[in-house]
PDB file of all heavy atoms in Angstrom:
ATOM      1  N   PRO A   1      50.291  18.524  14.290  1.00  0.00           N
ATOM      2  CA  PRO A   1      51.578  17.926  14.623  1.00  0.00           C
ATOM      3  C   PRO A   1      52.549  18.883  15.314  1.00  0.00           C
ATOM      4  O   PRO A   1      53.344  18.450  16.134  1.00  0.00           O
ATOM      5  CB  PRO A   1      52.125  17.447  13.279  1.00  0.00           C
ATOM      6  CG  PRO A   1      51.358  18.183  12.249  1.00  0.00           C
ATOM      7  CD  PRO A   1      50.036  18.515  12.852  1.00  0.00           C
ATOM      8  N   GLU A   2      52.462  20.170  15.019  1.00  0.00           N
ATOM      9  CA  GLU A   2      53.349  21.133  15.696  1.00  0.00           C
ATOM     10  C   GLU A   2      53.061  21.158  17.203  1.00  0.00           C
ATOM     11  O   GLU A   2      53.977  21.129  18.015  1.00  0.00           O
ATOM     12  CB  GLU A   2      53.171  22.534  15.110  1.00  0.00           C
ATOM     13  CG  GLU A   2      53.689  22.685  13.706  1.00  0.00           C
ATOM     14  CD  GLU A   2      55.211  22.736  13.618  1.00  0.00           C
ATOM     15  OE1 GLU A   2      55.896  22.965  14.638  1.00  0.00           O
ATOM     16  OE2 GLU A   2      55.724  22.521  12.502  1.00  0.00           O
ATOM     17  N   ARG A   3      51.783  21.228  17.555  1.00  0.00           N
ATOM     18  CA  ARG A   3      51.398  21.282  18.969  1.00  0.00           C
ATOM     19  C   ARG A   3      51.778  19.987  19.684  1.00  0.00           C
ATOM     20  O   ARG A   3      52.309  20.007  20.794  1.00  0.00           O
ATOM     21  CB  ARG A   3      49.896  21.529  19.100  1.00  0.00           C
ATOM     22  CG  ARG A   3      49.428  21.546  20.540  1.00  0.00           C
ATOM     23  CD  ARG A   3      47.948  21.906  20.637  1.00  0.00           C
ATOM     24  NE  ARG A   3      47.530  21.892  22.028  1.00  0.00           N
ATOM     25  CZ  ARG A   3      46.444  21.289  22.461  1.00  0.00           C
ATOM     26  NH1 ARG A   3      45.646  20.658  21.622  1.00  0.00           N
ATOM     27  NH2 ARG A   3      46.134  21.316  23.734  1.00  0.00           N
ATOM     28  N   LEU A   4      51.505  18.842  19.045  1.00  0.00           N
ATOM     29  CA  LEU A   4      51.807  17.572  19.669  1.00  0.00           C
ATOM     30  C   LEU A   4      53.318  17.369  19.789  1.00  0.00           C
ATOM     31  O   LEU A   4      53.803  16.893  20.818  1.00  0.00           O
ATOM     32  CB  LEU A   4      51.172  16.431  18.869  1.00  0.00           C
ATOM     33  CG  LEU A   4      50.738  15.236  19.683  1.00  0.00           C
ATOM     34  CD1 LEU A   4      49.879  15.601  20.868  1.00  0.00           C
ATOM     35  CD2 LEU A   4      50.040  14.227  18.802  1.00  0.00           C
ATOM     36  N   ALA A   5      54.065  17.759  18.774  1.00  0.00           N
ATOM     37  CA  ALA A   5      55.530  17.671  18.848  1.00  0.00           C
ATOM     38  C   ALA A   5      56.069  18.554  19.969  1.00  0.00           C
ATOM     39  O   ALA A   5      56.981  18.155  20.700  1.00  0.00           O
ATOM     40  CB  ALA A   5      56.157  18.059  17.513  1.00  0.00           C
ATOM     41  N   ALA A   6      55.500  19.743  20.140  1.00  0.00           N
ATOM     42  CA  ALA A   6      55.949  20.638  21.217  1.00  0.00           C
ATOM     43  C   ALA A   6      55.699  20.012  22.593  1.00  0.00           C
ATOM     44  O   ALA A   6      56.546  20.095  23.484  1.00  0.00           O
ATOM     45  CB  ALA A   6      55.247  21.986  21.112  1.00  0.00           C
ATOM     46  N   PHE A   7      54.538  19.367  22.776  1.00  0.00           N
ATOM     47  CA  PHE A   7      54.214  18.694  24.033  1.00  0.00           C
ATOM     48  C   PHE A   7      55.239  17.600  24.324  1.00  0.00           C
ATOM     49  O   PHE A   7      55.847  17.567  25.398  1.00  0.00           O
ATOM     50  CB  PHE A   7      52.806  18.098  23.963  1.00  0.00           C
ATOM     51  CG  PHE A   7      52.461  17.200  25.120  1.00  0.00           C
ATOM     52  CD1 PHE A   7      51.954  17.736  26.298  1.00  0.00           C
ATOM     53  CD2 PHE A   7      52.637  15.822  25.038  1.00  0.00           C
ATOM     54  CE1 PHE A   7      51.639  16.911  27.375  1.00  0.00           C
ATOM     55  CE2 PHE A   7      52.326  14.993  26.106  1.00  0.00           C
ATOM     56  CZ  PHE A   7      51.823  15.535  27.271  1.00  0.00           C
ATOM     57  N   TRP A   8      55.442  16.688  23.364  1.00  0.00           N
ATOM     58  CA  TRP A   8      56.357  15.565  23.580  1.00  0.00           C
ATOM     59  C   TRP A   8      57.809  16.029  23.665  1.00  0.00           C
ATOM     60  O   TRP A   8      58.611  15.454  24.401  1.00  0.00           O
ATOM     61  CB  TRP A   8      56.158  14.507  22.501  1.00  0.00           C
ATOM     62  CG  TRP A   8      54.913  13.716  22.755  1.00  0.00           C
ATOM     63  CD1 TRP A   8      53.691  13.878  22.162  1.00  0.00           C
ATOM     64  CD2 TRP A   8      54.752  12.663  23.712  1.00  0.00           C
ATOM     65  NE1 TRP A   8      52.789  12.984  22.689  1.00  0.00           N
ATOM     66  CE2 TRP A   8      53.411  12.222  23.637  1.00  0.00           C
ATOM     67  CE3 TRP A   8      55.608  12.046  24.614  1.00  0.00           C
ATOM     68  CZ2 TRP A   8      52.921  11.196  24.433  1.00  0.00           C
ATOM     69  CZ3 TRP A   8      55.124  11.019  25.404  1.00  0.00           C
ATOM     70  CH2 TRP A   8      53.790  10.609  25.312  1.00  0.00           C
ATOM     71  N   SER A   9      58.160  17.079  22.947  1.00  0.00           N
ATOM     72  CA  SER A   9      59.507  17.640  23.028  1.00  0.00           C
ATOM     73  C   SER A   9      59.803  18.098  24.448  1.00  0.00           C
ATOM     74  O   SER A   9      60.853  17.781  25.018  1.00  0.00           O
ATOM     75  CB  SER A   9      59.644  18.809  22.051  1.00  0.00           C
ATOM     76  OG  SER A   9      60.875  19.470  22.230  1.00  0.00           O
ATOM     77  N   GLU A  10      58.876  18.845  25.024  1.00  0.00           N
ATOM     78  CA  GLU A  10      59.050  19.334  26.392  1.00  0.00           C
ATOM     79  C   GLU A  10      59.042  18.181  27.390  1.00  0.00           C
ATOM     80  O   GLU A  10      59.856  18.138  28.312  1.00  0.00           O
ATOM     81  CB  GLU A  10      57.940  20.337  26.718  1.00  0.00           C
ATOM     82  CG  GLU A  10      58.098  21.010  28.049  1.00  0.00           C
ATOM     83  CD  GLU A  10      59.287  21.954  28.124  1.00  0.00           C
ATOM     84  OE1 GLU A  10      59.699  22.513  27.087  1.00  0.00           O
ATOM     85  OE2 GLU A  10      59.821  22.124  29.242  1.00  0.00           O
ATOM     86  N   LEU A  11      58.126  17.245  27.214  1.00  0.00           N
ATOM     87  CA  LEU A  11      58.003  16.127  28.142  1.00  0.00           C
ATOM     88  C   LEU A  11      59.256  15.256  28.149  1.00  0.00           C
ATOM     89  O   LEU A  11      59.744  14.871  29.210  1.00  0.00           O
ATOM     90  CB  LEU A  11      56.778  15.277  27.784  1.00  0.00           C
ATOM     91  CG  LEU A  11      56.416  14.181  28.772  1.00  0.00           C
ATOM     92  CD1 LEU A  11      55.977  14.776  30.106  1.00  0.00           C
ATOM     93  CD2 LEU A  11      55.322  13.298  28.205  1.00  0.00           C
ATOM     94  N   LEU A  12      59.801  14.957  26.976  1.00  0.00           N
ATOM     95  CA  LEU A  12      60.928  14.034  26.867  1.00  0.00           C
ATOM     96  C   LEU A  12      62.291  14.717  26.813  1.00  0.00           C
ATOM     97  O   LEU A  12      63.316  14.040  26.848  1.00  0.00           O
ATOM     98  CB  LEU A  12      60.765  13.168  25.612  1.00  0.00           C
ATOM     99  CG  LEU A  12      59.516  12.292  25.560  1.00  0.00           C
ATOM    100  CD1 LEU A  12      59.428  11.595  24.211  1.00  0.00           C
ATOM    101  CD2 LEU A  12      59.514  11.294  26.705  1.00  0.00           C
ATOM    102  N   GLY A  13      62.292  16.044  26.703  1.00  0.00           N
ATOM    103  CA  GLY A  13      63.572  16.738  26.587  1.00  0.00           C
ATOM    104  C   GLY A  13      64.268  16.463  25.263  1.00  0.00           C
ATOM    105  O   GLY A  13      65.490  16.473  25.179  1.00  0.00           O
ATOM    106  N   ARG A  14      63.479  16.223  24.220  1.00  0.00           N
ATOM    107  CA  ARG A  14      64.011  16.005  22.870  1.00  0.00           C
ATOM    108  C   ARG A  14      63.558  17.173  21.997  1.00  0.00           C
ATOM    109  O   ARG A  14      62.368  17.320  21.736  1.00  0.00           O
ATOM    110  CB  ARG A  14      63.442  14.729  22.244  1.00  0.00           C
ATOM    111  CG  ARG A  14      63.963  13.454  22.797  1.00  0.00           C
ATOM    112  CD  ARG A  14      63.417  12.315  21.949  1.00  0.00           C
ATOM    113  NE  ARG A  14      63.820  11.033  22.450  1.00  0.00           N
ATOM    114  CZ  ARG A  14      63.750   9.916  21.745  1.00  0.00           C
ATOM    115  NH1 ARG A  14      63.269   9.936  20.519  1.00  0.00           N
ATOM    116  NH2 ARG A  14      64.136   8.777  22.261  1.00  0.00           N
ATOM    117  N   PRO A  15      64.464  17.989  21.512  1.00  0.00           N
ATOM    118  CA  PRO A  15      64.038  19.131  20.701  1.00  0.00           C
ATOM    119  C   PRO A  15      63.477  18.712  19.349  1.00  0.00           C
ATOM    120  O   PRO A  15      63.795  17.645  18.826  1.00  0.00           O
ATOM    121  CB  PRO A  15      65.326  19.936  20.522  1.00  0.00           C
ATOM    122  CG  PRO A  15      66.425  18.970  20.751  1.00  0.00           C
ATOM    123  CD  PRO A  15      65.914  17.933  21.703  1.00  0.00           C
ATOM    124  N   VAL A  16      62.620  19.570  18.814  1.00  0.00           N
ATOM    125  CA  VAL A  16      62.157  19.412  17.438  1.00  0.00           C
ATOM    126  C   VAL A  16      63.359  19.702  16.544  1.00  0.00           C
ATOM    127  O   VAL A  16      64.015  20.728  16.695  1.00  0.00           O
ATOM    128  CB  VAL A  16      60.989  20.377  17.123  1.00  0.00           C
ATOM    129  CG1 VAL A  16      60.651  20.352  15.646  1.00  0.00           C
ATOM    130  CG2 VAL A  16      59.770  20.035  17.964  1.00  0.00           C
ATOM    131  N   VAL A  17      63.646  18.776  15.618  1.00  0.00           N
ATOM    132  CA  VAL A  17      64.830  18.948  14.773  1.00  0.00           C
ATOM    133  C   VAL A  17      64.509  19.034  13.289  1.00  0.00           C
ATOM    134  O   VAL A  17      65.412  19.284  12.490  1.00  0.00           O
ATOM    135  CB  VAL A  17      65.862  17.812  15.008  1.00  0.00           C
ATOM    136  CG1 VAL A  17      66.420  17.885  16.421  1.00  0.00           C
ATOM    137  CG2 VAL A  17      65.274  16.454  14.713  1.00  0.00           C
ATOM    138  N   GLY A  18      63.264  18.826  12.917  1.00  0.00           N
ATOM    139  CA  GLY A  18      62.984  18.903  11.495  1.00  0.00           C
ATOM    140  C   GLY A  18      61.506  18.871  11.176  1.00  0.00           C
ATOM    141  O   GLY A  18      60.678  18.448  11.976  1.00  0.00           O
ATOM    142  N   ARG A  19      61.218  19.341   9.973  1.00  0.00           N
ATOM    143  CA  ARG A  19      59.870  19.328   9.427  1.00  0.00           C
ATOM    144  C   ARG A  19      59.993  18.932   7.966  1.00  0.00           C
ATOM    145  O   ARG A  19      60.789  19.532   7.235  1.00  0.00           O
ATOM    146  CB  ARG A  19      59.228  20.699   9.563  1.00  0.00           C
ATOM    147  CG  ARG A  19      58.924  21.064  11.003  1.00  0.00           C
ATOM    148  CD  ARG A  19      58.696  22.570  11.157  1.00  0.00           C
ATOM    149  NE  ARG A  19      58.372  22.896  12.532  1.00  0.00           N
ATOM    150  CZ  ARG A  19      59.266  23.070  13.498  1.00  0.00           C
ATOM    151  NH1 ARG A  19      60.560  22.927  13.237  1.00  0.00           N
ATOM    152  NH2 ARG A  19      58.891  23.376  14.721  1.00  0.00           N
ATOM    153  N   THR A  20      59.241  17.919   7.584  1.00  0.00           N
ATOM    154  CA  THR A  20      59.257  17.441   6.206  1.00  0.00           C
ATOM    155  C   THR A  20      57.830  17.134   5.808  1.00  0.00           C
ATOM    156  O   THR A  20      57.211  16.236   6.387  1.00  0.00           O
ATOM    157  CB  THR A  20      60.098  16.147   6.079  1.00  0.00           C
ATOM    158  OG1 THR A  20      61.368  16.341   6.673  1.00  0.00           O
ATOM    159  CG2 THR A  20      60.266  15.747   4.627  1.00  0.00           C
ATOM    160  N   GLY A  21      57.291  17.878   4.840  1.00  0.00           N
ATOM    161  CA  GLY A  21      55.914  17.645   4.414  1.00  0.00           C
ATOM    162  C   GLY A  21      54.983  17.679   5.620  1.00  0.00           C
ATOM    163  O   GLY A  21      54.998  18.638   6.393  1.00  0.00           O
ATOM    164  N   PRO A  22      54.194  16.618   5.828  1.00  0.00           N
ATOM    165  CA  PRO A  22      53.237  16.606   6.949  1.00  0.00           C
ATOM    166  C   PRO A  22      53.848  16.145   8.272  1.00  0.00           C
ATOM    167  O   PRO A  22      53.134  15.934   9.248  1.00  0.00           O
ATOM    168  CB  PRO A  22      52.176  15.611   6.472  1.00  0.00           C
ATOM    169  CG  PRO A  22      52.943  14.633   5.646  1.00  0.00           C
ATOM    170  CD  PRO A  22      54.012  15.463   4.944  1.00  0.00           C
ATOM    171  N   TYR A  23      55.182  15.997   8.335  1.00  0.00           N
ATOM    172  CA  TYR A  23      55.847  15.444   9.520  1.00  0.00           C
ATOM    173  C   TYR A  23      56.608  16.503  10.310  1.00  0.00           C
ATOM    174  O   TYR A  23      57.206  17.408   9.739  1.00  0.00           O
ATOM    175  CB  TYR A  23      56.852  14.358   9.115  1.00  0.00           C
ATOM    176  CG  TYR A  23      56.232  13.183   8.423  1.00  0.00           C
ATOM    177  CD1 TYR A  23      56.172  13.140   7.035  1.00  0.00           C
ATOM    178  CD2 TYR A  23      55.703  12.135   9.154  1.00  0.00           C
ATOM    179  CE1 TYR A  23      55.596  12.057   6.381  1.00  0.00           C
ATOM    180  CE2 TYR A  23      55.131  11.050   8.513  1.00  0.00           C
ATOM    181  CZ  TYR A  23      55.076  11.013   7.126  1.00  0.00           C
ATOM    182  OH  TYR A  23      54.507   9.951   6.496  1.00  0.00           O
ATOM    183  N   VAL A  24      56.615  16.310  11.642  1.00  0.00           N
ATOM    184  CA  VAL A  24      57.473  17.076  12.544  1.00  0.00           C
ATOM    185  C   VAL A  24      58.265  16.028  13.329  1.00  0.00           C
ATOM    186  O   VAL A  24      57.692  15.065  13.850  1.00  0.00           O
ATOM    187  CB  VAL A  24      56.646  17.967  13.513  1.00  0.00           C
ATOM    188  CG1 VAL A  24      57.568  18.732  14.449  1.00  0.00           C
ATOM    189  CG2 VAL A  24      55.757  18.923  12.733  1.00  0.00           C
ATOM    190  N   TRP A  25      59.591  16.224  13.397  1.00  0.00           N
ATOM    191  CA  TRP A  25      60.478  15.223  13.987  1.00  0.00           C
ATOM    192  C   TRP A  25      61.152  15.723  15.249  1.00  0.00           C
ATOM    193  O   TRP A  25      61.629  16.852  15.300  1.00  0.00           O
ATOM    194  CB  TRP A  25      61.576  14.847  12.982  1.00  0.00           C
ATOM    195  CG  TRP A  25      61.048  14.379  11.678  1.00  0.00           C
ATOM    196  CD1 TRP A  25      60.940  15.113  10.526  1.00  0.00           C
ATOM    197  CD2 TRP A  25      60.524  13.093  11.386  1.00  0.00           C
ATOM    198  NE1 TRP A  25      60.391  14.332   9.536  1.00  0.00           N
ATOM    199  CE2 TRP A  25      60.126  13.089  10.029  1.00  0.00           C
ATOM    200  CE3 TRP A  25      60.366  11.931  12.143  1.00  0.00           C
ATOM    201  CZ2 TRP A  25      59.578  11.969   9.421  1.00  0.00           C
ATOM    202  CZ3 TRP A  25      59.819  10.817  11.524  1.00  0.00           C
ATOM    203  CH2 TRP A  25      59.431  10.840  10.186  1.00  0.00           C
ATOM    204  N   LEU A  26      61.234  14.849  16.262  1.00  0.00           N
ATOM    205  CA  LEU A  26      62.039  15.119  17.444  1.00  0.00           C
ATOM    206  C   LEU A  26      63.418  14.492  17.247  1.00  0.00           C
ATOM    207  O   LEU A  26      63.588  13.601  16.415  1.00  0.00           O
ATOM    208  CB  LEU A  26      61.394  14.517  18.701  1.00  0.00           C
ATOM    209  CG  LEU A  26      60.000  15.024  19.068  1.00  0.00           C
ATOM    210  CD1 LEU A  26      59.606  14.487  20.442  1.00  0.00           C
ATOM    211  CD2 LEU A  26      59.901  16.535  19.029  1.00  0.00           C
ATOM    212  N   ARG A  27      64.368  14.950  18.028  1.00  0.00           N
ATOM    213  CA  ARG A  27      65.740  14.438  17.932  1.00  0.00           C
ATOM    214  C   ARG A  27      65.767  12.919  18.122  1.00  0.00           C
ATOM    215  O   ARG A  27      65.125  12.377  19.007  1.00  0.00           O
ATOM    216  CB  ARG A  27      66.618  15.106  18.990  1.00  0.00           C
ATOM    217  CG  ARG A  27      68.080  14.645  18.948  1.00  0.00           C
ATOM    218  CD  ARG A  27      68.929  15.305  19.996  1.00  0.00           C
ATOM    219  NE  ARG A  27      68.460  14.889  21.315  1.00  0.00           N
ATOM    220  CZ  ARG A  27      68.538  15.639  22.418  1.00  0.00           C
ATOM    221  NH1 ARG A  27      69.047  16.845  22.360  1.00  0.00           N
ATOM    222  NH2 ARG A  27      68.092  15.175  23.565  1.00  0.00           N
ATOM    223  N   ARG A  28      66.537  12.253  17.296  1.00  0.00           N
ATOM    224  CA  ARG A  28      66.730  10.805  17.387  1.00  0.00           C
ATOM    225  C   ARG A  28      67.557  10.490  18.633  1.00  0.00           C
ATOM    226  O   ARG A  28      68.561  11.144  18.899  1.00  0.00           O
ATOM    227  CB  ARG A  28      67.457  10.304  16.136  1.00  0.00           C
ATOM    228  CG  ARG A  28      67.726   8.815  16.122  1.00  0.00           C
ATOM    229  CD  ARG A  28      68.432   8.395  14.839  1.00  0.00           C
ATOM    230  NE  ARG A  28      67.615   8.622  13.665  1.00  0.00           N
ATOM    231  CZ  ARG A  28      66.684   7.786  13.222  1.00  0.00           C
ATOM    232  NH1 ARG A  28      66.442   6.656  13.861  1.00  0.00           N
ATOM    233  NH2 ARG A  28      65.979   8.080  12.140  1.00  0.00           N
ATOM    234  N   GLU A  29      67.117   9.506  19.395  1.00  0.00           N
ATOM    235  CA  GLU A  29      67.876   9.019  20.550  1.00  0.00           C
ATOM    236  C   GLU A  29      67.786   7.511  20.579  1.00  0.00           C
ATOM    237  O   GLU A  29      66.739   6.935  20.257  1.00  0.00           O
ATOM    238  CB  GLU A  29      67.321   9.603  21.857  1.00  0.00           C
ATOM    239  CG  GLU A  29      67.621  11.073  22.015  1.00  0.00           C
ATOM    240  CD  GLU A  29      67.221  11.616  23.369  1.00  0.00           C
ATOM    241  OE1 GLU A  29      66.925  10.832  24.298  1.00  0.00           O
ATOM    242  OE2 GLU A  29      67.197  12.846  23.498  1.00  0.00           O
ATOM    243  N   ASN A  30      68.875   6.875  20.976  1.00  0.00           N
ATOM    244  CA  ASN A  30      68.922   5.414  21.037  1.00  0.00           C
ATOM    245  C   ASN A  30      68.462   4.794  19.724  1.00  0.00           C
ATOM    246  O   ASN A  30      67.743   3.807  19.702  1.00  0.00           O
ATOM    247  CB  ASN A  30      68.088   4.891  22.209  1.00  0.00           C
ATOM    248  CG  ASN A  30      68.572   5.425  23.533  1.00  0.00           C
ATOM    249  OD1 ASN A  30      69.773   5.461  23.783  1.00  0.00           O
ATOM    250  ND2 ASN A  30      67.655   5.867  24.357  1.00  0.00           N
ATOM    251  N   GLU A  31      68.865   5.427  18.625  1.00  0.00           N
ATOM    252  CA  GLU A  31      68.575   4.963  17.269  1.00  0.00           C
ATOM    253  C   GLU A  31      67.089   4.957  16.916  1.00  0.00           C
ATOM    254  O   GLU A  31      66.658   4.272  15.999  1.00  0.00           O
ATOM    255  CB  GLU A  31      69.200   3.594  17.030  1.00  0.00           C
ATOM    256  CG  GLU A  31      70.706   3.631  17.202  1.00  0.00           C
ATOM    257  CD  GLU A  31      71.383   2.370  16.732  1.00  0.00           C
ATOM    258  OE1 GLU A  31      70.876   1.728  15.795  1.00  0.00           O
ATOM    259  OE2 GLU A  31      72.422   2.037  17.302  1.00  0.00           O
ATOM    260  N   LEU A  32      66.291   5.748  17.650  1.00  0.00           N
ATOM    261  CA  LEU A  32      64.849   5.802  17.392  1.00  0.00           C
ATOM    262  C   LEU A  32      64.414   7.264  17.317  1.00  0.00           C
ATOM    263  O   LEU A  32      64.770   8.070  18.171  1.00  0.00           O
ATOM    264  CB  LEU A  32      64.089   5.090  18.514  1.00  0.00           C
ATOM    265  CG  LEU A  32      62.602   4.889  18.308  1.00  0.00           C
ATOM    266  CD1 LEU A  32      62.352   3.910  17.156  1.00  0.00           C
ATOM    267  CD2 LEU A  32      61.981   4.349  19.577  1.00  0.00           C
ATOM    268  N   VAL A  33      63.637   7.584  16.292  1.00  0.00           N
ATOM    269  CA  VAL A  33      63.127   8.938  16.137  1.00  0.00           C
ATOM    270  C   VAL A  33      61.620   8.918  16.367  1.00  0.00           C
ATOM    271  O   VAL A  33      60.946   7.930  16.084  1.00  0.00           O
ATOM    272  CB  VAL A  33      63.484   9.527  14.750  1.00  0.00           C
ATOM    273  CG1 VAL A  33      62.770   8.806  13.631  1.00  0.00           C
ATOM    274  CG2 VAL A  33      63.199  11.013  14.683  1.00  0.00           C
ATOM    275  N   LEU A  34      61.111   9.993  16.943  1.00  0.00           N
ATOM    276  CA  LEU A  34      59.684  10.152  17.187  1.00  0.00           C
ATOM    277  C   LEU A  34      59.186  11.247  16.251  1.00  0.00           C
ATOM    278  O   LEU A  34      59.732  12.354  16.226  1.00  0.00           O
ATOM    279  CB  LEU A  34      59.449  10.527  18.652  1.00  0.00           C
ATOM    280  CG  LEU A  34      58.018  10.640  19.141  1.00  0.00           C
ATOM    281  CD1 LEU A  34      57.254   9.340  18.921  1.00  0.00           C
ATOM    282  CD2 LEU A  34      58.005  10.999  20.622  1.00  0.00           C
ATOM    283  N   GLY A  35      58.160  10.907  15.462  1.00  0.00           N
ATOM    284  CA  GLY A  35      57.622  11.856  14.501  1.00  0.00           C
ATOM    285  C   GLY A  35      56.121  12.005  14.652  1.00  0.00           C
ATOM    286  O   GLY A  35      55.433  11.127  15.175  1.00  0.00           O
ATOM    287  N   PHE A  36      55.612  13.126  14.174  1.00  0.00           N
ATOM    288  CA  PHE A  36      54.186  13.447  14.246  1.00  0.00           C
ATOM    289  C   PHE A  36      53.725  13.791  12.840  1.00  0.00           C
ATOM    290  O   PHE A  36      54.271  14.679  12.202  1.00  0.00           O
ATOM    291  CB  PHE A  36      53.961  14.595  15.236  1.00  0.00           C
ATOM    292  CG  PHE A  36      54.490  14.246  16.591  1.00  0.00           C
ATOM    293  CD1 PHE A  36      55.811  14.509  16.925  1.00  0.00           C
ATOM    294  CD2 PHE A  36      53.696  13.584  17.503  1.00  0.00           C
ATOM    295  CE1 PHE A  36      56.325  14.130  18.159  1.00  0.00           C
ATOM    296  CE2 PHE A  36      54.199  13.195  18.736  1.00  0.00           C
ATOM    297  CZ  PHE A  36      55.511  13.466  19.056  1.00  0.00           C
ATOM    298  N   GLN A  37      52.716  13.058  12.366  1.00  0.00           N
ATOM    299  CA  GLN A  37      52.231  13.191  11.002  1.00  0.00           C
ATOM    300  C   GLN A  37      50.844  13.822  10.993  1.00  0.00           C
ATOM    301  O   GLN A  37      49.943  13.354  11.691  1.00  0.00           O
ATOM    302  CB  GLN A  37      52.153  11.819  10.347  1.00  0.00           C
ATOM    303  CG  GLN A  37      51.592  11.846   8.955  1.00  0.00           C
ATOM    304  CD  GLN A  37      51.479  10.445   8.358  1.00  0.00           C
ATOM    305  OE1 GLN A  37      51.732   9.452   9.022  1.00  0.00           O
ATOM    306  NE2 GLN A  37      51.105  10.391   7.096  1.00  0.00           N
ATOM    307  N   ARG A  38      50.684  14.872  10.204  1.00  0.00           N
ATOM    308  CA  ARG A  38      49.375  15.527  10.089  1.00  0.00           C
ATOM    309  C   ARG A  38      48.379  14.582   9.434  1.00  0.00           C
ATOM    310  O   ARG A  38      48.661  13.947   8.423  1.00  0.00           O
ATOM    311  CB  ARG A  38      49.475  16.803   9.264  1.00  0.00           C
ATOM    312  CG  ARG A  38      48.154  17.553   9.180  1.00  0.00           C
ATOM    313  CD  ARG A  38      48.195  18.856   8.390  1.00  0.00           C
ATOM    314  NE  ARG A  38      49.430  19.311   7.813  1.00  0.00           N
ATOM    315  CZ  ARG A  38      50.425  19.975   8.439  1.00  0.00           C
ATOM    316  NH1 ARG A  38      50.335  20.253   9.688  1.00  0.00           N
ATOM    317  NH2 ARG A  38      51.505  20.358   7.810  1.00  0.00           N
ATOM    318  N   THR A  39      47.213  14.455  10.068  1.00  0.00           N
ATOM    319  CA  THR A  39      46.120  13.661   9.517  1.00  0.00           C
ATOM    320  C   THR A  39      44.864  14.522   9.529  1.00  0.00           C
ATOM    321  O   THR A  39      44.779  15.496  10.275  1.00  0.00           O
ATOM    322  CB  THR A  39      45.862  12.385  10.346  1.00  0.00           C
ATOM    323  OG1 THR A  39      45.522  12.759  11.671  1.00  0.00           O
ATOM    324  CG2 THR A  39      47.066  11.478  10.357  1.00  0.00           C
ATOM    325  N   GLY A  40      43.892  14.130   8.752  1.00  0.00           N
ATOM    326  CA  GLY A  40      42.658  14.894   8.664  1.00  0.00           C
ATOM    327  C   GLY A  40      41.621  14.516   9.708  1.00  0.00           C
ATOM    328  O   GLY A  40      40.636  15.217   9.870  1.00  0.00           O
TER     329      GLY A  40
END
């Protein structure tokens, strides 16, 4: 999720703003947040 969040952060111009458990979050825009969840 760190690598994927970094890709989408750069692509969309939304910084990574948080990490919670298996999630990495990009900045919320237009009332919508984009998150990346670690899976096996």
